[in-house]
Amino acid sequence: LMLHVKELRVFNTICNATFENQEAAKNLAKRADVMIIIGGKNSSNT
């Protein structure tokens, strides 16, 4: 969008807890042999 519009307002509305969980999952997955994610299969977060 920055390259295609004259004025862009970006609001980071991603939840802090979501960001922290995603970072933790990434760091753990890099070291793990198996990852098991437990949560609702209809959950966007999961």
ModelCIF file with pLDDT and N, C-alpha, C, O atoms, coordinates in Angstrom:
data_MODEL
#
_entry.id   MODEL 
#
_entity.id                         1 
_entity.type                       polymer 
_entity.pdbx_number_of_molecules   1 
#
_entity_poly.entity_id                      1 
_entity_poly.type                           'polypeptide(L)' 
_entity_poly.nstd_linkage                   no 
_entity_poly.nstd_monomer                   no 
_entity_poly.pdbx_seq_one_letter_code       LMLHVKELRVFNTICNATFENQEAAKNLAKRADVMIIIGGKNSSNT 
_entity_poly.pdbx_seq_one_letter_code_can   LMLHVKELRVFNTICNATFENQEAAKNLAKRADVMIIIGGKNSSNT 
_entity_poly.pdbx_strand_id                 A 
#
loop_
_entity_poly_seq.entity_id 
_entity_poly_seq.num 
_entity_poly_seq.mon_id 
_entity_poly_seq.hetero 
1 1  LEU n 
1 2  MET n 
1 3  LEU n 
1 4  HIS n 
1 5  VAL n 
1 6  LYS n 
1 7  GLU n 
1 8  LEU n 
1 9  ARG n 
1 10 VAL n 
1 11 PHE n 
1 12 ASN n 
1 13 THR n 
1 14 ILE n 
1 15 CYS n 
1 16 ASN n 
1 17 ALA n 
1 18 THR n 
1 19 PHE n 
1 20 GLU n 
1 21 ASN n 
1 22 GLN n 
1 23 GLU n 
1 24 ALA n 
1 25 ALA n 
1 26 LYS n 
1 27 ASN n 
1 28 LEU n 
1 29 ALA n 
1 30 LYS n 
1 31 ARG n 
1 32 ALA n 
1 33 ASP n 
1 34 VAL n 
1 35 MET n 
1 36 ILE n 
1 37 ILE n 
1 38 ILE n 
1 39 GLY n 
1 40 GLY n 
1 41 LYS n 
1 42 ASN n 
1 43 SER n 
1 44 SER n 
1 45 ASN n 
1 46 THR n 
#
_struct_asym.id          A 
_struct_asym.entity_id   1 
#
loop_
_ma_qa_metric.id 
_ma_qa_metric.mode 
_ma_qa_metric.name 
_ma_qa_metric.software_group_id 
_ma_qa_metric.type 
1 global pLDDT . pLDDT 
2 local  pLDDT . pLDDT 
#
_ma_qa_metric_global.metric_id      1 
_ma_qa_metric_global.metric_value   90.72 
_ma_qa_metric_global.model_id       1 
_ma_qa_metric_global.ordinal_id     1 
#
loop_
_ma_qa_metric_local.label_asym_id 
_ma_qa_metric_local.label_comp_id 
_ma_qa_metric_local.label_seq_id 
_ma_qa_metric_local.metric_id 
_ma_qa_metric_local.metric_value 
_ma_qa_metric_local.model_id 
_ma_qa_metric_local.ordinal_id 
A LEU 1  2 96.00 1 1  
A MET 2  2 95.00 1 2  
A LEU 3  2 93.00 1 3  
A HIS 4  2 93.00 1 4  
A VAL 5  2 94.00 1 5  
A LYS 6  2 94.00 1 6  
A GLU 7  2 96.00 1 7  
A LEU 8  2 97.00 1 8  
A ARG 9  2 97.00 1 9  
A VAL 10 2 97.00 1 10 
A PHE 11 2 97.00 1 11 
A ASN 12 2 93.00 1 12 
A THR 13 2 93.00 1 13 
A ILE 14 2 90.00 1 14 
A CYS 15 2 86.00 1 15 
A ASN 16 2 82.00 1 16 
A ALA 17 2 83.00 1 17 
A THR 18 2 79.00 1 18 
A PHE 19 2 79.00 1 19 
A GLU 20 2 87.00 1 20 
A ASN 21 2 88.00 1 21 
A GLN 22 2 87.00 1 22 
A GLU 23 2 89.00 1 23 
A ALA 24 2 93.00 1 24 
A ALA 25 2 92.00 1 25 
A LYS 26 2 92.00 1 26 
A ASN 27 2 94.00 1 27 
A LEU 28 2 95.00 1 28 
A ALA 29 2 95.00 1 29 
A LYS 30 2 95.00 1 30 
A ARG 31 2 95.00 1 31 
A ALA 32 2 95.00 1 32 
A ASP 33 2 95.00 1 33 
A VAL 34 2 94.00 1 34 
A MET 35 2 94.00 1 35 
A ILE 36 2 93.00 1 36 
A ILE 37 2 93.00 1 37 
A ILE 38 2 92.00 1 38 
A GLY 39 2 90.00 1 39 
A GLY 40 2 87.00 1 40 
A LYS 41 2 84.00 1 41 
A ASN 42 2 83.00 1 42 
A SER 43 2 83.00 1 43 
A SER 44 2 81.00 1 44 
A ASN 45 2 84.00 1 45 
A THR 46 2 89.00 1 46 
#
loop_
_atom_site.group_PDB 
_atom_site.id 
_atom_site.type_symbol 
_atom_site.label_atom_id 
_atom_site.label_alt_id 
_atom_site.label_comp_id 
_atom_site.label_asym_id 
_atom_site.label_entity_id 
_atom_site.label_seq_id 
_atom_site.pdbx_PDB_ins_code 
_atom_site.Cartn_x 
_atom_site.Cartn_y 
_atom_site.Cartn_z 
_atom_site.occupancy 
_atom_site.B_iso_or_equiv 
_atom_site.pdbx_formal_charge 
_atom_site.auth_seq_id 
_atom_site.auth_comp_id 
_atom_site.auth_asym_id 
_atom_site.auth_atom_id 
_atom_site.pdbx_PDB_model_num 
ATOM 1   N N  . LEU A 1 1  ? 0.823   -1.216  0.000  1.00 96.00 ? 1  LEU A N  1 
ATOM 2   C CA . LEU A 1 1  ? 0.000   0.000   0.000  1.00 96.00 ? 1  LEU A CA 1 
ATOM 3   C C  . LEU A 1 1  ? 0.855   1.263   0.000  1.00 96.00 ? 1  LEU A C  1 
ATOM 4   O O  . LEU A 1 1  ? 0.507   2.250   -0.647 1.00 96.00 ? 1  LEU A O  1 
ATOM 5   N N  . MET A 1 2  ? 1.960   1.232   0.716  1.00 95.00 ? 2  MET A N  1 
ATOM 6   C CA . MET A 1 2  ? 2.850   2.387   0.806  1.00 95.00 ? 2  MET A CA 1 
ATOM 7   C C  . MET A 1 2  ? 3.319   2.848   -0.582 1.00 95.00 ? 2  MET A C  1 
ATOM 8   O O  . MET A 1 2  ? 3.533   4.038   -0.817 1.00 95.00 ? 2  MET A O  1 
ATOM 9   N N  . LEU A 1 3  ? 3.471   1.902   -1.473 1.00 93.00 ? 3  LEU A N  1 
ATOM 10  C CA . LEU A 1 3  ? 3.956   2.213   -2.818 1.00 93.00 ? 3  LEU A CA 1 
ATOM 11  C C  . LEU A 1 3  ? 2.841   2.574   -3.795 1.00 93.00 ? 3  LEU A C  1 
ATOM 12  O O  . LEU A 1 3  ? 3.113   3.008   -4.914 1.00 93.00 ? 3  LEU A O  1 
ATOM 13  N N  . HIS A 1 4  ? 1.576   2.394   -3.372 1.00 93.00 ? 4  HIS A N  1 
ATOM 14  C CA . HIS A 1 4  ? 0.465   2.567   -4.304 1.00 93.00 ? 4  HIS A CA 1 
ATOM 15  C C  . HIS A 1 4  ? -0.560  3.635   -3.926 1.00 93.00 ? 4  HIS A C  1 
ATOM 16  O O  . HIS A 1 4  ? -1.495  3.888   -4.685 1.00 93.00 ? 4  HIS A O  1 
ATOM 17  N N  . VAL A 1 5  ? -0.396  4.259   -2.766 1.00 94.00 ? 5  VAL A N  1 
ATOM 18  C CA . VAL A 1 5  ? -1.322  5.325   -2.370 1.00 94.00 ? 5  VAL A CA 1 
ATOM 19  C C  . VAL A 1 5  ? -0.524  6.531   -1.890 1.00 94.00 ? 5  VAL A C  1 
ATOM 20  O O  . VAL A 1 5  ? 0.633   6.416   -1.484 1.00 94.00 ? 5  VAL A O  1 
ATOM 21  N N  . LYS A 1 6  ? -1.170  7.683   -1.947 1.00 94.00 ? 6  LYS A N  1 
ATOM 22  C CA . LYS A 1 6  ? -0.495  8.926   -1.573 1.00 94.00 ? 6  LYS A CA 1 
ATOM 23  C C  . LYS A 1 6  ? -0.299  9.040   -0.054 1.00 94.00 ? 6  LYS A C  1 
ATOM 24  O O  . LYS A 1 6  ? 0.764   9.453   0.412  1.00 94.00 ? 6  LYS A O  1 
ATOM 25  N N  . GLU A 1 7  ? -1.327  8.673   0.706  1.00 96.00 ? 7  GLU A N  1 
ATOM 26  C CA . GLU A 1 7  ? -1.236  8.744   2.173  1.00 96.00 ? 7  GLU A CA 1 
ATOM 27  C C  . GLU A 1 7  ? -1.720  7.431   2.765  1.00 96.00 ? 7  GLU A C  1 
ATOM 28  O O  . GLU A 1 7  ? -2.793  6.940   2.418  1.00 96.00 ? 7  GLU A O  1 
ATOM 29  N N  . LEU A 1 8  ? -0.917  6.866   3.666  1.00 97.00 ? 8  LEU A N  1 
ATOM 30  C CA . LEU A 1 8  ? -1.253  5.594   4.292  1.00 97.00 ? 8  LEU A CA 1 
ATOM 31  C C  . LEU A 1 8  ? -1.137  5.731   5.806  1.00 97.00 ? 8  LEU A C  1 
ATOM 32  O O  . LEU A 1 8  ? -0.118  6.179   6.330  1.00 97.00 ? 8  LEU A O  1 
ATOM 33  N N  . ARG A 1 9  ? -2.200  5.338   6.489  1.00 97.00 ? 9  ARG A N  1 
ATOM 34  C CA . ARG A 1 9  ? -2.174  5.264   7.958  1.00 97.00 ? 9  ARG A CA 1 
ATOM 35  C C  . ARG A 1 9  ? -2.216  3.780   8.319  1.00 97.00 ? 9  ARG A C  1 
ATOM 36  O O  . ARG A 1 9  ? -3.170  3.082   7.974  1.00 97.00 ? 9  ARG A O  1 
ATOM 37  N N  . VAL A 1 10 ? -1.190  3.303   9.009  1.00 97.00 ? 10 VAL A N  1 
ATOM 38  C CA . VAL A 1 10 ? -1.094  1.897   9.403  1.00 97.00 ? 10 VAL A CA 1 
ATOM 39  C C  . VAL A 1 10 ? -1.327  1.796   10.907 1.00 97.00 ? 10 VAL A C  1 
ATOM 40  O O  . VAL A 1 10 ? -0.616  2.411   11.701 1.00 97.00 ? 10 VAL A O  1 
ATOM 41  N N  . PHE A 1 11 ? -2.321  1.019   11.280 1.00 97.00 ? 11 PHE A N  1 
ATOM 42  C CA . PHE A 1 11 ? -2.645  0.811   12.689 1.00 97.00 ? 11 PHE A CA 1 
ATOM 43  C C  . PHE A 1 11 ? -2.387  -0.653  13.022 1.00 97.00 ? 11 PHE A C  1 
ATOM 44  O O  . PHE A 1 11 ? -3.088  -1.543  12.539 1.00 97.00 ? 11 PHE A O  1 
ATOM 45  N N  . ASN A 1 12 ? -1.381  -0.893  13.848 1.00 93.00 ? 12 ASN A N  1 
ATOM 46  C CA . ASN A 1 12 ? -1.064  -2.262  14.217 1.00 93.00 ? 12 ASN A CA 1 
ATOM 47  C C  . ASN A 1 12 ? -2.071  -2.736  15.260 1.00 93.00 ? 12 ASN A C  1 
ATOM 48  O O  . ASN A 1 12 ? -1.913  -2.476  16.452 1.00 93.00 ? 12 ASN A O  1 
ATOM 49  N N  . THR A 1 13 ? -3.088  -3.423  14.807 1.00 93.00 ? 13 THR A N  1 
ATOM 50  C CA . THR A 1 13 ? -4.146  -3.901  15.698 1.00 93.00 ? 13 THR A CA 1 
ATOM 51  C C  . THR A 1 13 ? -4.011  -5.394  15.989 1.00 93.00 ? 13 THR A C  1 
ATOM 52  O O  . THR A 1 13 ? -4.958  -6.034  16.446 1.00 93.00 ? 13 THR A O  1 
ATOM 53  N N  . ILE A 1 14 ? -2.827  -5.940  15.720 1.00 90.00 ? 14 ILE A N  1 
ATOM 54  C CA . ILE A 1 14 ? -2.573  -7.333  16.087 1.00 90.00 ? 14 ILE A CA 1 
ATOM 55  C C  . ILE A 1 14 ? -2.339  -7.365  17.594 1.00 90.00 ? 14 ILE A C  1 
ATOM 56  O O  . ILE A 1 14 ? -1.544  -6.586  18.120 1.00 90.00 ? 14 ILE A O  1 
ATOM 57  N N  . CYS A 1 15 ? -3.023  -8.255  18.277 1.00 86.00 ? 15 CYS A N  1 
ATOM 58  C CA . CYS A 1 15 ? -2.961  -8.365  19.730 1.00 86.00 ? 15 CYS A CA 1 
ATOM 59  C C  . CYS A 1 15 ? -1.539  -8.697  20.184 1.00 86.00 ? 15 CYS A C  1 
ATOM 60  O O  . CYS A 1 15 ? -0.883  -9.559  19.599 1.00 86.00 ? 15 CYS A O  1 
ATOM 61  N N  . ASN A 1 16 ? -1.065  -8.014  21.224 1.00 82.00 ? 16 ASN A N  1 
ATOM 62  C CA . ASN A 1 16 ? 0.281   -8.262  21.754 1.00 82.00 ? 16 ASN A CA 1 
ATOM 63  C C  . ASN A 1 16 ? 0.472   -9.714  22.157 1.00 82.00 ? 16 ASN A C  1 
ATOM 64  O O  . ASN A 1 16 ? 1.520   -10.301 21.891 1.00 82.00 ? 16 ASN A O  1 
ATOM 65  N N  . ALA A 1 17 ? -0.530  -10.292 22.793 1.00 83.00 ? 17 ALA A N  1 
ATOM 66  C CA . ALA A 1 17 ? -0.439  -11.693 23.215 1.00 83.00 ? 17 ALA A CA 1 
ATOM 67  C C  . ALA A 1 17 ? -0.309  -12.599 21.997 1.00 83.00 ? 17 ALA A C  1 
ATOM 68  O O  . ALA A 1 17 ? 0.424   -13.588 22.029 1.00 83.00 ? 17 ALA A O  1 
ATOM 69  N N  . THR A 1 18 ? -1.014  -12.266 20.932 1.00 79.00 ? 18 THR A N  1 
ATOM 70  C CA . THR A 1 18 ? -0.930  -13.041 19.695 1.00 79.00 ? 18 THR A CA 1 
ATOM 71  C C  . THR A 1 18 ? 0.490   -13.002 19.152 1.00 79.00 ? 18 THR A C  1 
ATOM 72  O O  . THR A 1 18 ? 1.055   -14.034 18.789 1.00 79.00 ? 18 THR A O  1 
ATOM 73  N N  . PHE A 1 19 ? 1.067   -11.791 19.099 1.00 79.00 ? 19 PHE A N  1 
ATOM 74  C CA . PHE A 1 19 ? 2.432   -11.629 18.603 1.00 79.00 ? 19 PHE A CA 1 
ATOM 75  C C  . PHE A 1 19 ? 3.417   -12.435 19.448 1.00 79.00 ? 19 PHE A C  1 
ATOM 76  O O  . PHE A 1 19 ? 4.282   -13.125 18.908 1.00 79.00 ? 19 PHE A O  1 
ATOM 77  N N  . GLU A 1 20 ? 3.285   -12.349 20.775 1.00 87.00 ? 20 GLU A N  1 
ATOM 78  C CA . GLU A 1 20 ? 4.186   -13.079 21.670 1.00 87.00 ? 20 GLU A CA 1 
ATOM 79  C C  . GLU A 1 20 ? 4.032   -14.588 21.495 1.00 87.00 ? 20 GLU A C  1 
ATOM 80  O O  . GLU A 1 20 ? 5.026   -15.314 21.484 1.00 87.00 ? 20 GLU A O  1 
ATOM 81  N N  . ASN A 1 21 ? 2.793   -15.064 21.358 1.00 88.00 ? 21 ASN A N  1 
ATOM 82  C CA . ASN A 1 21 ? 2.556   -16.499 21.153 1.00 88.00 ? 21 ASN A CA 1 
ATOM 83  C C  . ASN A 1 21 ? 3.145   -16.972 19.831 1.00 88.00 ? 21 ASN A C  1 
ATOM 84  O O  . ASN A 1 21 ? 3.714   -18.060 19.754 1.00 88.00 ? 21 ASN A O  1 
ATOM 85  N N  . GLN A 1 22 ? 3.008   -16.150 18.786 1.00 87.00 ? 22 GLN A N  1 
ATOM 86  C CA . GLN A 1 22 ? 3.551   -16.519 17.482 1.00 87.00 ? 22 GLN A CA 1 
ATOM 87  C C  . GLN A 1 22 ? 5.076   -16.590 17.531 1.00 87.00 ? 22 GLN A C  1 
ATOM 88  O O  . GLN A 1 22 ? 5.677   -17.505 16.968 1.00 87.00 ? 22 GLN A O  1 
ATOM 89  N N  . GLU A 1 23 ? 5.698   -15.627 18.202 1.00 89.00 ? 23 GLU A N  1 
ATOM 90  C CA . GLU A 1 23 ? 7.162   -15.632 18.340 1.00 89.00 ? 23 GLU A CA 1 
ATOM 91  C C  . GLU A 1 23 ? 7.616   -16.856 19.127 1.00 89.00 ? 23 GLU A C  1 
ATOM 92  O O  . GLU A 1 23 ? 8.590   -17.510 18.753 1.00 89.00 ? 23 GLU A O  1 
ATOM 93  N N  . ALA A 1 24 ? 6.915   -17.168 20.214 1.00 93.00 ? 24 ALA A N  1 
ATOM 94  C CA . ALA A 1 24 ? 7.267   -18.329 21.036 1.00 93.00 ? 24 ALA A CA 1 
ATOM 95  C C  . ALA A 1 24 ? 7.126   -19.619 20.233 1.00 93.00 ? 24 ALA A C  1 
ATOM 96  O O  . ALA A 1 24 ? 7.988   -20.494 20.312 1.00 93.00 ? 24 ALA A O  1 
ATOM 97  N N  . ALA A 1 25 ? 6.045   -19.743 19.460 1.00 92.00 ? 25 ALA A N  1 
ATOM 98  C CA . ALA A 1 25 ? 5.830   -20.941 18.632 1.00 92.00 ? 25 ALA A CA 1 
ATOM 99  C C  . ALA A 1 25 ? 6.944   -21.083 17.597 1.00 92.00 ? 25 ALA A C  1 
ATOM 100 O O  . ALA A 1 25 ? 7.454   -22.180 17.368 1.00 92.00 ? 25 ALA A O  1 
ATOM 101 N N  . LYS A 1 26 ? 7.316   -19.965 16.976 1.00 92.00 ? 26 LYS A N  1 
ATOM 102 C CA . LYS A 1 26 ? 8.388   -20.000 15.968 1.00 92.00 ? 26 LYS A CA 1 
ATOM 103 C C  . LYS A 1 26 ? 9.705   -20.451 16.596 1.00 92.00 ? 26 LYS A C  1 
ATOM 104 O O  . LYS A 1 26 ? 10.387  -21.325 16.061 1.00 92.00 ? 26 LYS A O  1 
ATOM 105 N N  . ASN A 1 27 ? 10.054  -19.855 17.727 1.00 94.00 ? 27 ASN A N  1 
ATOM 106 C CA . ASN A 1 27 ? 11.325  -20.195 18.382 1.00 94.00 ? 27 ASN A CA 1 
ATOM 107 C C  . ASN A 1 27 ? 11.355  -21.635 18.860 1.00 94.00 ? 27 ASN A C  1 
ATOM 108 O O  . ASN A 1 27 ? 12.380  -22.308 18.752 1.00 94.00 ? 27 ASN A O  1 
ATOM 109 N N  . LEU A 1 28 ? 10.240  -22.109 19.387 1.00 95.00 ? 28 LEU A N  1 
ATOM 110 C CA . LEU A 1 28 ? 10.158  -23.485 19.857 1.00 95.00 ? 28 LEU A CA 1 
ATOM 111 C C  . LEU A 1 28 ? 10.186  -24.465 18.683 1.00 95.00 ? 28 LEU A C  1 
ATOM 112 O O  . LEU A 1 28 ? 10.858  -25.494 18.753 1.00 95.00 ? 28 LEU A O  1 
ATOM 113 N N  . ALA A 1 29 ? 9.470   -24.158 17.621 1.00 95.00 ? 29 ALA A N  1 
ATOM 114 C CA . ALA A 1 29 ? 9.403   -25.054 16.456 1.00 95.00 ? 29 ALA A CA 1 
ATOM 115 C C  . ALA A 1 29 ? 10.771  -25.227 15.798 1.00 95.00 ? 29 ALA A C  1 
ATOM 116 O O  . ALA A 1 29 ? 11.054  -26.280 15.226 1.00 95.00 ? 29 ALA A O  1 
ATOM 117 N N  . LYS A 1 30 ? 11.608  -24.218 15.874 1.00 95.00 ? 30 LYS A N  1 
ATOM 118 C CA . LYS A 1 30 ? 12.966  -24.307 15.295 1.00 95.00 ? 30 LYS A CA 1 
ATOM 119 C C  . LYS A 1 30 ? 13.803  -25.363 16.010 1.00 95.00 ? 30 LYS A C  1 
ATOM 120 O O  . LYS A 1 30 ? 14.716  -25.944 15.422 1.00 95.00 ? 30 LYS A O  1 
ATOM 121 N N  . ARG A 1 31 ? 13.486  -25.609 17.288 1.00 95.00 ? 31 ARG A N  1 
ATOM 122 C CA . ARG A 1 31 ? 14.290  -26.539 18.100 1.00 95.00 ? 31 ARG A CA 1 
ATOM 123 C C  . ARG A 1 31 ? 13.609  -27.894 18.305 1.00 95.00 ? 31 ARG A C  1 
ATOM 124 O O  . ARG A 1 31 ? 14.256  -28.850 18.732 1.00 95.00 ? 31 ARG A O  1 
ATOM 125 N N  . ALA A 1 32 ? 12.320  -27.984 18.010 1.00 95.00 ? 32 ALA A N  1 
ATOM 126 C CA . ALA A 1 32 ? 11.552  -29.196 18.336 1.00 95.00 ? 32 ALA A CA 1 
ATOM 127 C C  . ALA A 1 32 ? 11.563  -30.217 17.203 1.00 95.00 ? 32 ALA A C  1 
ATOM 128 O O  . ALA A 1 32 ? 11.695  -29.871 16.029 1.00 95.00 ? 32 ALA A O  1 
ATOM 129 N N  . ASP A 1 33 ? 11.421  -31.479 17.586 1.00 95.00 ? 33 ASP A N  1 
ATOM 130 C CA . ASP A 1 33 ? 11.257  -32.552 16.605 1.00 95.00 ? 33 ASP A CA 1 
ATOM 131 C C  . ASP A 1 33 ? 9.783   -32.696 16.233 1.00 95.00 ? 33 ASP A C  1 
ATOM 132 O O  . ASP A 1 33 ? 9.452   -33.024 15.093 1.00 95.00 ? 33 ASP A O  1 
ATOM 133 N N  . VAL A 1 34 ? 8.900   -32.449 17.204 1.00 94.00 ? 34 VAL A N  1 
ATOM 134 C CA . VAL A 1 34 ? 7.454   -32.543 16.998 1.00 94.00 ? 34 VAL A CA 1 
ATOM 135 C C  . VAL A 1 34 ? 6.801   -31.371 17.720 1.00 94.00 ? 34 VAL A C  1 
ATOM 136 O O  . VAL A 1 34 ? 7.165   -31.034 18.847 1.00 94.00 ? 34 VAL A O  1 
ATOM 137 N N  . MET A 1 35 ? 5.830   -30.758 17.051 1.00 94.00 ? 35 MET A N  1 
ATOM 138 C CA . MET A 1 35 ? 5.049   -29.684 17.675 1.00 94.00 ? 35 MET A CA 1 
ATOM 139 C C  . MET A 1 35 ? 3.593   -30.107 17.714 1.00 94.00 ? 35 MET A C  1 
ATOM 140 O O  . MET A 1 35 ? 3.045   -30.541 16.701 1.00 94.00 ? 35 MET A O  1 
ATOM 141 N N  . ILE A 1 36 ? 2.961   -29.983 18.876 1.00 93.00 ? 36 ILE A N  1 
ATOM 142 C CA . ILE A 1 36 ? 1.542   -30.265 19.019 1.00 93.00 ? 36 ILE A CA 1 
ATOM 143 C C  . ILE A 1 36 ? 0.873   -28.984 19.478 1.00 93.00 ? 36 ILE A C  1 
ATOM 144 O O  . ILE A 1 36 ? 1.158   -28.472 20.561 1.00 93.00 ? 36 ILE A O  1 
ATOM 145 N N  . ILE A 1 37 ? -0.016  -28.474 18.645 1.00 93.00 ? 37 ILE A N  1 
ATOM 146 C CA . ILE A 1 37 ? -0.751  -27.251 18.946 1.00 93.00 ? 37 ILE A CA 1 
ATOM 147 C C  . ILE A 1 37 ? -2.150  -27.669 19.366 1.00 93.00 ? 37 ILE A C  1 
ATOM 148 O O  . ILE A 1 37 ? -2.858  -28.335 18.611 1.00 93.00 ? 37 ILE A O  1 
ATOM 149 N N  . ILE A 1 38 ? -2.547  -27.278 20.574 1.00 92.00 ? 38 ILE A N  1 
ATOM 150 C CA . ILE A 1 38 ? -3.849  -27.675 21.104 1.00 92.00 ? 38 ILE A CA 1 
ATOM 151 C C  . ILE A 1 38 ? -4.755  -26.452 21.113 1.00 92.00 ? 38 ILE A C  1 
ATOM 152 O O  . ILE A 1 38 ? -4.428  -25.422 21.702 1.00 92.00 ? 38 ILE A O  1 
ATOM 153 N N  . GLY A 1 39 ? -5.898  -26.584 20.452 1.00 90.00 ? 39 GLY A N  1 
ATOM 154 C CA . GLY A 1 39 ? -6.855  -25.484 20.407 1.00 90.00 ? 39 GLY A CA 1 
ATOM 155 C C  . GLY A 1 39 ? -7.980  -25.791 19.446 1.00 90.00 ? 39 GLY A C  1 
ATOM 156 O O  . GLY A 1 39 ? -8.008  -26.852 18.824 1.00 90.00 ? 39 GLY A O  1 
ATOM 157 N N  . GLY A 1 40 ? -8.891  -24.872 19.329 1.00 87.00 ? 40 GLY A N  1 
ATOM 158 C CA . GLY A 1 40 ? -10.036 -25.056 18.441 1.00 87.00 ? 40 GLY A CA 1 
ATOM 159 C C  . GLY A 1 40 ? -9.627  -25.043 16.983 1.00 87.00 ? 40 GLY A C  1 
ATOM 160 O O  . GLY A 1 40 ? -8.883  -24.162 16.553 1.00 87.00 ? 40 GLY A O  1 
ATOM 161 N N  . LYS A 1 41 ? -10.102 -26.004 16.224 1.00 84.00 ? 41 LYS A N  1 
ATOM 162 C CA . LYS A 1 41 ? -9.748  -26.074 14.802 1.00 84.00 ? 41 LYS A CA 1 
ATOM 163 C C  . LYS A 1 41 ? -10.394 -24.962 13.991 1.00 84.00 ? 41 LYS A C  1 
ATOM 164 O O  . LYS A 1 41 ? -9.992  -24.713 12.854 1.00 84.00 ? 41 LYS A O  1 
ATOM 165 N N  . ASN A 1 42 ? -11.388 -24.291 14.560 1.00 83.00 ? 42 ASN A N  1 
ATOM 166 C CA . ASN A 1 42 ? -12.001 -23.140 13.888 1.00 83.00 ? 42 ASN A CA 1 
ATOM 167 C C  . ASN A 1 42 ? -11.413 -21.819 14.366 1.00 83.00 ? 42 ASN A C  1 
ATOM 168 O O  . ASN A 1 42 ? -11.836 -20.752 13.921 1.00 83.00 ? 42 ASN A O  1 
ATOM 169 N N  . SER A 1 43 ? -10.443 -21.885 15.265 1.00 83.00 ? 43 SER A N  1 
ATOM 170 C CA . SER A 1 43 ? -9.841  -20.677 15.827 1.00 83.00 ? 43 SER A CA 1 
ATOM 171 C C  . SER A 1 43 ? -8.760  -20.125 14.905 1.00 83.00 ? 43 SER A C  1 
ATOM 172 O O  . SER A 1 43 ? -7.812  -20.826 14.551 1.00 83.00 ? 43 SER A O  1 
ATOM 173 N N  . SER A 1 44 ? -8.915  -18.873 14.525 1.00 81.00 ? 44 SER A N  1 
ATOM 174 C CA . SER A 1 44 ? -7.904  -18.215 13.689 1.00 81.00 ? 44 SER A CA 1 
ATOM 175 C C  . SER A 1 44 ? -6.551  -18.196 14.400 1.00 81.00 ? 44 SER A C  1 
ATOM 176 O O  . SER A 1 44 ? -5.514  -18.449 13.786 1.00 81.00 ? 44 SER A O  1 
ATOM 177 N N  . ASN A 1 45 ? -6.572  -17.900 15.679 1.00 84.00 ? 45 ASN A N  1 
ATOM 178 C CA . ASN A 1 45 ? -5.346  -17.828 16.470 1.00 84.00 ? 45 ASN A CA 1 
ATOM 179 C C  . ASN A 1 45 ? -4.613  -19.171 16.453 1.00 84.00 ? 45 ASN A C  1 
ATOM 180 O O  . ASN A 1 45 ? -3.408  -19.226 16.204 1.00 84.00 ? 45 ASN A O  1 
ATOM 181 N N  . THR A 1 46 ? -5.345  -20.244 16.717 1.00 89.00 ? 46 THR A N  1 
ATOM 182 C CA . THR A 1 46 ? -4.754  -21.582 16.746 1.00 89.00 ? 46 THR A CA 1 
ATOM 183 C C  . THR A 1 46 ? -4.216  -21.972 15.370 1.00 89.00 ? 46 THR A C  1 
ATOM 184 O O  . THR A 1 46 ? -3.682  -23.069 15.204 1.00 89.00 ? 46 THR A O  1 
#
